[in-house]
């Protein structure tokens, strides 16, 4: 009986409780929501084993001579679809160190795919339409989310304790377009973390990576 109780106590101590919650409110210095910022969390205790999966589509649509969404978050190893819904042809490419690729001219209702096997930001452009710009943030943690239209990010099921939080935005005025901070998450309840992001205006027709 004592042996069983001791084993149970050891299991409780050695297994981190996935009970912590983190709510981050992202605003510009002018008080506007910092939409499309990507938050990734790295627990000091390490990341869980196994493949990373998110419940949103791994897809960048070409429609109305724009990419949709402007920022897409995918895990390392994800295959992203690039469907063309426009009446014109597109030539999608990236010169980003995380993944260089080129999808030569293809037309309406055609779809090309690309597999992303390295973490990092990937800037997208169209060789025909300079106004088309978007970003794929390839992440190596399951604890990742993108800020919504109100600048809010809610992460659930995090391990309690010390974590490193990285906040990335393609136009953030910071080294690597990223802020890094350390937090200690409580075992119960949500921690609220307001963050101000100083964003530069997007440069027209300019690939920043």
C-alpha atoms as a PDB file:
ATOM      1  CA  UNK A   1       0.000   0.000   0.000  1.00  0.00           C
ATOM      2  CA  UNK A   2       2.828   2.381   0.924  1.00  0.00           C
ATOM      3  CA  UNK A   3       4.653   1.481  -2.298  1.00  0.00           C
ATOM      4  CA  UNK A   4       1.574   2.286  -4.379  1.00  0.00           C
ATOM      5  CA  UNK A   5       1.109   5.627  -2.625  1.00  0.00           C
ATOM      6  CA  UNK A   6       4.780   6.500  -3.095  1.00  0.00           C
ATOM      7  CA  UNK A   7       4.580   5.726  -6.827  1.00  0.00           C
ATOM      8  CA  UNK A   8       1.463   7.859  -7.163  1.00  0.00           C
ATOM      9  CA  UNK A   9       3.150  10.791  -5.434  1.00  0.00           C
ATOM     10  CA  UNK A  10       6.210  10.442  -7.692  1.00  0.00           C
ATOM     11  CA  UNK A  11       4.007  10.466 -10.793  1.00  0.00           C
ATOM     12  CA  UNK A  12       2.222  13.599  -9.626  1.00  0.00           C
ATOM     13  CA  UNK A  13       5.512  15.365  -8.952  1.00  0.00           C
ATOM     14  CA  UNK A  14       7.224  14.307 -12.185  1.00  0.00           C
ATOM     15  CA  UNK A  15       4.301  15.046 -14.530  1.00  0.00           C
ATOM     16  CA  UNK A  16       3.714  18.768 -15.186  1.00  0.00           C
ATOM     17  CA  UNK A  17       0.097  19.842 -14.837  1.00  0.00           C
ATOM     18  CA  UNK A  18      -1.331  21.250 -18.072  1.00  0.00           C
ATOM     19  CA  UNK A  19      -3.505  23.742 -16.275  1.00  0.00           C
ATOM     20  CA  UNK A  20      -1.953  27.145 -16.909  1.00  0.00           C
ATOM     21  CA  UNK A  21      -3.594  29.779 -19.095  1.00  0.00           C
ATOM     22  CA  UNK A  22      -2.034  32.823 -20.735  1.00  0.00           C
ATOM     23  CA  UNK A  23      -3.966  35.800 -22.130  1.00  0.00           C
ATOM     24  CA  UNK A  24      -1.893  38.407 -23.960  1.00  0.00           C
ATOM     25  CA  UNK A  25      -3.310  41.742 -25.070  1.00  0.00           C
ATOM     26  CA  UNK A  26      -1.215  43.269 -27.848  1.00  0.00           C
ATOM     27  CA  UNK A  27      -1.482  46.993 -28.599  1.00  0.00           C
ATOM     28  CA  UNK A  28       0.491  49.589 -30.502  1.00  0.00           C
ATOM     29  CA  UNK A  29       1.769  52.707 -28.651  1.00  0.00           C
ATOM     30  CA  UNK A  30      -1.307  54.480 -30.076  1.00  0.00           C
ATOM     31  CA  UNK A  31      -3.586  51.907 -28.436  1.00  0.00           C
ATOM     32  CA  UNK A  32      -4.595  50.089 -31.621  1.00  0.00           C
ATOM     33  CA  UNK A  33      -4.774  46.281 -31.669  1.00  0.00           C
ATOM     34  CA  UNK A  34      -1.597  44.596 -32.954  1.00  0.00           C
ATOM     35  CA  UNK A  35      -3.416  42.136 -35.184  1.00  0.00           C
ATOM     36  CA  UNK A  36      -1.481  39.219 -36.745  1.00  0.00           C
ATOM     37  CA  UNK A  37       1.272  39.115 -34.105  1.00  0.00           C
ATOM     38  CA  UNK A  38       2.353  35.525 -33.428  1.00  0.00           C
ATOM     39  CA  UNK A  39       2.937  34.330 -29.864  1.00  0.00           C
ATOM     40  CA  UNK A  40       4.965  31.186 -29.175  1.00  0.00           C
ATOM     41  CA  UNK A  41       5.622  29.733 -25.723  1.00  0.00           C
ATOM     42  CA  UNK A  42       8.538  27.512 -24.658  1.00  0.00           C
ATOM     43  CA  UNK A  43       8.256  25.946 -21.177  1.00  0.00           C
ATOM     44  CA  UNK A  44      11.486  25.664 -19.182  1.00  0.00           C
ATOM     45  CA  UNK A  45      10.537  22.023 -18.532  1.00  0.00           C
ATOM     46  CA  UNK A  46      10.635  21.318 -22.272  1.00  0.00           C
ATOM     47  CA  UNK A  47       8.146  20.699 -25.047  1.00  0.00           C
ATOM     48  CA  UNK A  48       5.897  17.627 -25.280  1.00  0.00           C
ATOM     49  CA  UNK A  49       6.976  14.858 -27.636  1.00  0.00           C
ATOM     50  CA  UNK A  50       5.133  14.075 -30.831  1.00  0.00           C
ATOM     51  CA  UNK A  51       4.006  15.947 -33.936  1.00  0.00           C
ATOM     52  CA  UNK A  52       2.562  19.443 -33.701  1.00  0.00           C
ATOM     53  CA  UNK A  53      -0.894  20.023 -35.151  1.00  0.00           C
ATOM     54  CA  UNK A  54      -3.121  23.091 -35.255  1.00  0.00           C
ATOM     55  CA  UNK A  55      -6.830  23.132 -36.028  1.00  0.00           C
ATOM     56  CA  UNK A  56      -6.802  25.840 -38.727  1.00  0.00           C
ATOM     57  CA  UNK A  57      -6.200  25.221 -42.465  1.00  0.00           C
ATOM     58  CA  UNK A  58      -2.620  25.263 -43.710  1.00  0.00           C
ATOM     59  CA  UNK A  59      -3.556  27.335 -46.725  1.00  0.00           C
ATOM     60  CA  UNK A  60      -2.655  30.690 -48.320  1.00  0.00           C
ATOM     61  CA  UNK A  61      -5.326  31.689 -50.823  1.00  0.00           C
ATOM     62  CA  UNK A  62      -4.740  34.061 -53.728  1.00  0.00           C
ATOM     63  CA  UNK A  63      -7.914  36.092 -54.195  1.00  0.00           C
ATOM     64  CA  UNK A  64      -8.599  39.666 -55.352  1.00  0.00           C
ATOM     65  CA  UNK A  65      -4.861  40.009 -56.117  1.00  0.00           C
ATOM     66  CA  UNK A  66      -4.000  39.497 -52.441  1.00  0.00           C
ATOM     67  CA  UNK A  67      -2.843  36.679 -50.188  1.00  0.00           C
ATOM     68  CA  UNK A  68      -5.228  35.445 -47.485  1.00  0.00           C
ATOM     69  CA  UNK A  69      -4.441  35.284 -44.607  1.00  0.00           C
ATOM     70  CA  UNK A  70      -1.791  37.954 -44.217  1.00  0.00           C
ATOM     71  CA  UNK A  71      -0.040  35.808 -41.561  1.00  0.00           C
ATOM     72  CA  UNK A  72      -0.360  32.023 -41.340  1.00  0.00           C
ATOM     73  CA  UNK A  73       1.053  29.949 -38.462  1.00  0.00           C
ATOM     74  CA  UNK A  74       2.079  26.372 -39.249  1.00  0.00           C
ATOM     75  CA  UNK A  75       4.222  23.743 -37.493  1.00  0.00           C
ATOM     76  CA  UNK A  76       7.562  22.510 -38.772  1.00  0.00           C
ATOM     77  CA  UNK A  77       6.929  19.808 -41.354  1.00  0.00           C
ATOM     78  CA  UNK A  78       3.588  21.234 -42.507  1.00  0.00           C
ATOM     79  CA  UNK A  79       2.576  21.206 -46.153  1.00  0.00           C
ATOM     80  CA  UNK A  80       0.865  24.466 -47.139  1.00  0.00           C
ATOM     81  CA  UNK A  81      -1.538  24.740 -50.064  1.00  0.00           C
ATOM     82  CA  UNK A  82      -1.498  27.797 -52.349  1.00  0.00           C
ATOM     83  CA  UNK A  83      -4.795  27.818 -54.289  1.00  0.00           C
ATOM     84  CA  UNK A  84      -5.293  30.489 -56.940  1.00  0.00           C
ATOM     85  CA  UNK A  85      -8.881  31.768 -56.973  1.00  0.00           C
ATOM     86  CA  UNK A  86      -8.145  34.768 -59.195  1.00  0.00           C
ATOM     87  CA  UNK A  87      -8.850  35.066 -62.907  1.00  0.00           C
ATOM     88  CA  UNK A  88      -5.172  35.896 -63.486  1.00  0.00           C
ATOM     89  CA  UNK A  89      -2.056  33.794 -63.016  1.00  0.00           C
ATOM     90  CA  UNK A  90       0.295  34.169 -60.053  1.00  0.00           C
ATOM     91  CA  UNK A  91       3.969  33.387 -59.504  1.00  0.00           C
ATOM     92  CA  UNK A  92       4.472  32.858 -55.754  1.00  0.00           C
ATOM     93  CA  UNK A  93       7.957  32.939 -54.280  1.00  0.00           C
ATOM     94  CA  UNK A  94      10.035  33.510 -51.149  1.00  0.00           C
ATOM     95  CA  UNK A  95      13.682  34.458 -50.617  1.00  0.00           C
ATOM     96  CA  UNK A  96      13.481  33.869 -46.853  1.00  0.00           C
ATOM     97  CA  UNK A  97      16.358  31.929 -45.212  1.00  0.00           C
ATOM     98  CA  UNK A  98      13.835  29.663 -43.437  1.00  0.00           C
ATOM     99  CA  UNK A  99      12.555  28.399 -46.807  1.00  0.00           C
ATOM    100  CA  UNK A 100      13.305  29.611 -50.320  1.00  0.00           C
ATOM    101  CA  UNK A 101      10.891  28.429 -52.989  1.00  0.00           C
ATOM    102  CA  UNK A 102       9.230  29.369 -56.247  1.00  0.00           C
ATOM    103  CA  UNK A 103       5.837  28.398 -57.666  1.00  0.00           C
ATOM    104  CA  UNK A 104       5.948  29.418 -61.300  1.00  0.00           C
ATOM    105  CA  UNK A 105       2.945  30.827 -63.124  1.00  0.00           C
ATOM    106  CA  UNK A 106      -0.293  28.965 -62.488  1.00  0.00           C
ATOM    107  CA  UNK A 107      -3.896  29.970 -63.053  1.00  0.00           C
ATOM    108  CA  UNK A 108      -7.419  29.998 -61.677  1.00  0.00           C
ATOM    109  CA  UNK A 109      -8.550  27.011 -59.611  1.00  0.00           C
ATOM    110  CA  UNK A 110      -5.074  25.507 -59.638  1.00  0.00           C
ATOM    111  CA  UNK A 111      -3.319  24.672 -56.361  1.00  0.00           C
ATOM    112  CA  UNK A 112       0.374  24.239 -55.630  1.00  0.00           C
ATOM    113  CA  UNK A 113       1.839  22.999 -52.324  1.00  0.00           C
ATOM    114  CA  UNK A 114       5.070  23.579 -50.398  1.00  0.00           C
ATOM    115  CA  UNK A 115       6.430  21.708 -47.370  1.00  0.00           C
ATOM    116  CA  UNK A 116       8.114  23.813 -44.676  1.00  0.00           C
ATOM    117  CA  UNK A 117      10.733  21.890 -42.695  1.00  0.00           C
ATOM    118  CA  UNK A 118      12.515  24.677 -40.781  1.00  0.00           C
ATOM    119  CA  UNK A 119      11.218  27.049 -38.101  1.00  0.00           C
ATOM    120  CA  UNK A 120      11.231  30.747 -38.884  1.00  0.00           C
ATOM    121  CA  UNK A 121       9.387  33.487 -40.769  1.00  0.00           C
ATOM    122  CA  UNK A 122       8.795  33.094 -44.496  1.00  0.00           C
ATOM    123  CA  UNK A 123       7.829  36.200 -46.493  1.00  0.00           C
ATOM    124  CA  UNK A 124       5.682  35.605 -49.555  1.00  0.00           C
ATOM    125  CA  UNK A 125       5.481  37.630 -52.735  1.00  0.00           C
ATOM    126  CA  UNK A 126       4.120  37.383 -56.249  1.00  0.00           C
ATOM    127  CA  UNK A 127       6.520  37.975 -59.115  1.00  0.00           C
ATOM    128  CA  UNK A 128       3.669  39.435 -61.185  1.00  0.00           C
ATOM    129  CA  UNK A 129       1.818  41.541 -58.585  1.00  0.00           C
ATOM    130  CA  UNK A 130       4.114  43.510 -56.271  1.00  0.00           C
ATOM    131  CA  UNK A 131       1.289  44.499 -53.914  1.00  0.00           C
ATOM    132  CA  UNK A 132       0.840  40.876 -52.842  1.00  0.00           C
ATOM    133  CA  UNK A 133       2.682  40.314 -49.559  1.00  0.00           C
ATOM    134  CA  UNK A 134       2.064  37.783 -46.780  1.00  0.00           C
ATOM    135  CA  UNK A 135       3.983  35.779 -44.191  1.00  0.00           C
ATOM    136  CA  UNK A 136       4.108  32.213 -42.970  1.00  0.00           C
ATOM    137  CA  UNK A 137       5.446  31.748 -39.423  1.00  0.00           C
ATOM    138  CA  UNK A 138       6.770  28.209 -39.115  1.00  0.00           C
ATOM    139  CA  UNK A 139       6.925  27.234 -35.431  1.00  0.00           C
ATOM    140  CA  UNK A 140       8.472  24.386 -33.447  1.00  0.00           C
ATOM    141  CA  UNK A 141       6.167  24.509 -30.414  1.00  0.00           C
ATOM    142  CA  UNK A 142       2.528  23.413 -30.007  1.00  0.00           C
ATOM    143  CA  UNK A 143       1.953  26.473 -27.821  1.00  0.00           C
ATOM    144  CA  UNK A 144       1.423  29.050 -30.563  1.00  0.00           C
ATOM    145  CA  UNK A 145      -1.345  31.388 -31.658  1.00  0.00           C
ATOM    146  CA  UNK A 146      -1.944  34.507 -33.735  1.00  0.00           C
ATOM    147  CA  UNK A 147      -3.491  37.717 -32.414  1.00  0.00           C
ATOM    148  CA  UNK A 148      -7.041  38.274 -33.591  1.00  0.00           C
ATOM    149  CA  UNK A 149      -8.570  41.529 -34.852  1.00  0.00           C
ATOM    150  CA  UNK A 150      -8.761  42.844 -31.282  1.00  0.00           C
ATOM    151  CA  UNK A 151      -5.083  42.067 -30.619  1.00  0.00           C
ATOM    152  CA  UNK A 152      -5.882  39.223 -28.238  1.00  0.00           C
ATOM    153  CA  UNK A 153      -4.085  35.883 -27.885  1.00  0.00           C
ATOM    154  CA  UNK A 154      -5.412  33.150 -25.596  1.00  0.00           C
ATOM    155  CA  UNK A 155      -3.310  30.049 -24.938  1.00  0.00           C
ATOM    156  CA  UNK A 156      -4.694  27.166 -22.896  1.00  0.00           C
ATOM    157  CA  UNK A 157      -3.280  23.896 -21.562  1.00  0.00           C
ATOM    158  CA  UNK A 158       0.175  25.295 -20.821  1.00  0.00           C
ATOM    159  CA  UNK A 159       2.494  23.743 -18.219  1.00  0.00           C
ATOM    160  CA  UNK A 160       2.631  25.819 -15.055  1.00  0.00           C
ATOM    161  CA  UNK A 161       5.965  27.358 -14.156  1.00  0.00           C
ATOM    162  CA  UNK A 162       8.653  29.288 -15.985  1.00  0.00           C
ATOM    163  CA  UNK A 163       8.173  29.858 -19.714  1.00  0.00           C
ATOM    164  CA  UNK A 164       9.819  31.889 -22.446  1.00  0.00           C
ATOM    165  CA  UNK A 165       7.334  33.863 -24.526  1.00  0.00           C
ATOM    166  CA  UNK A 166       8.278  35.064 -28.006  1.00  0.00           C
ATOM    167  CA  UNK A 167       6.145  37.654 -29.797  1.00  0.00           C
ATOM    168  CA  UNK A 168       6.738  38.132 -33.524  1.00  0.00           C
ATOM    169  CA  UNK A 169       5.218  40.509 -36.049  1.00  0.00           C
ATOM    170  CA  UNK A 170       6.538  41.177 -39.568  1.00  0.00           C
ATOM    171  CA  UNK A 171       6.632  44.936 -38.915  1.00  0.00           C
ATOM    172  CA  UNK A 172       7.793  44.941 -35.294  1.00  0.00           C
ATOM    173  CA  UNK A 173      10.618  47.357 -34.519  1.00  0.00           C
ATOM    174  CA  UNK A 174      12.874  44.825 -32.793  1.00  0.00           C
ATOM    175  CA  UNK A 175      15.752  42.543 -33.656  1.00  0.00           C
ATOM    176  CA  UNK A 176      14.404  39.736 -35.789  1.00  0.00           C
ATOM    177  CA  UNK A 177      10.961  41.390 -35.568  1.00  0.00           C
ATOM    178  CA  UNK A 178      10.567  39.651 -32.196  1.00  0.00           C
ATOM    179  CA  UNK A 179      10.228  40.426 -28.489  1.00  0.00           C
ATOM    180  CA  UNK A 180      11.237  37.852 -25.874  1.00  0.00           C
ATOM    181  CA  UNK A 181      10.120  37.759 -22.254  1.00  0.00           C
ATOM    182  CA  UNK A 182      10.121  35.299 -19.366  1.00  0.00           C
ATOM    183  CA  UNK A 183       6.996  34.613 -17.307  1.00  0.00           C
ATOM    184  CA  UNK A 184       6.057  32.285 -14.458  1.00  0.00           C
ATOM    185  CA  UNK A 185       2.602  30.847 -15.091  1.00  0.00           C
ATOM    186  CA  UNK A 186       0.396  29.918 -12.143  1.00  0.00           C
ATOM    187  CA  UNK A 187      -0.958  26.386 -11.859  1.00  0.00           C
ATOM    188  CA  UNK A 188      -4.536  27.665 -11.856  1.00  0.00           C
ATOM    189  CA  UNK A 189      -6.268  30.548 -13.513  1.00  0.00           C
ATOM    190  CA  UNK A 190      -5.214  32.746 -16.412  1.00  0.00           C
ATOM    191  CA  UNK A 191      -2.252  35.125 -16.365  1.00  0.00           C
ATOM    192  CA  UNK A 192      -2.963  38.416 -18.148  1.00  0.00           C
ATOM    193  CA  UNK A 193       0.008  40.007 -19.922  1.00  0.00           C
ATOM    194  CA  UNK A 194      -0.509  43.330 -21.740  1.00  0.00           C
ATOM    195  CA  UNK A 195       2.236  44.053 -24.274  1.00  0.00           C
ATOM    196  CA  UNK A 196       2.929  47.140 -26.380  1.00  0.00           C
ATOM    197  CA  UNK A 197       4.325  46.500 -29.863  1.00  0.00           C
ATOM    198  CA  UNK A 198       5.942  49.340 -31.775  1.00  0.00           C
ATOM    199  CA  UNK A 199       5.136  48.543 -35.408  1.00  0.00           C
ATOM    200  CA  UNK A 200       6.613  50.272 -38.434  1.00  0.00           C
ATOM    201  CA  UNK A 201       4.327  51.037 -41.392  1.00  0.00           C
ATOM    202  CA  UNK A 202       4.497  48.369 -44.094  1.00  0.00           C
ATOM    203  CA  UNK A 203       6.707  49.417 -46.976  1.00  0.00           C
ATOM    204  CA  UNK A 204       4.782  49.158 -50.261  1.00  0.00           C
ATOM    205  CA  UNK A 205       6.142  46.636 -52.781  1.00  0.00           C
ATOM    206  CA  UNK A 206       8.940  45.641 -50.390  1.00  0.00           C
ATOM    207  CA  UNK A 207       9.954  42.161 -49.243  1.00  0.00           C
ATOM    208  CA  UNK A 208      11.460  42.536 -45.765  1.00  0.00           C
ATOM    209  CA  UNK A 209      13.004  39.047 -45.550  1.00  0.00           C
END
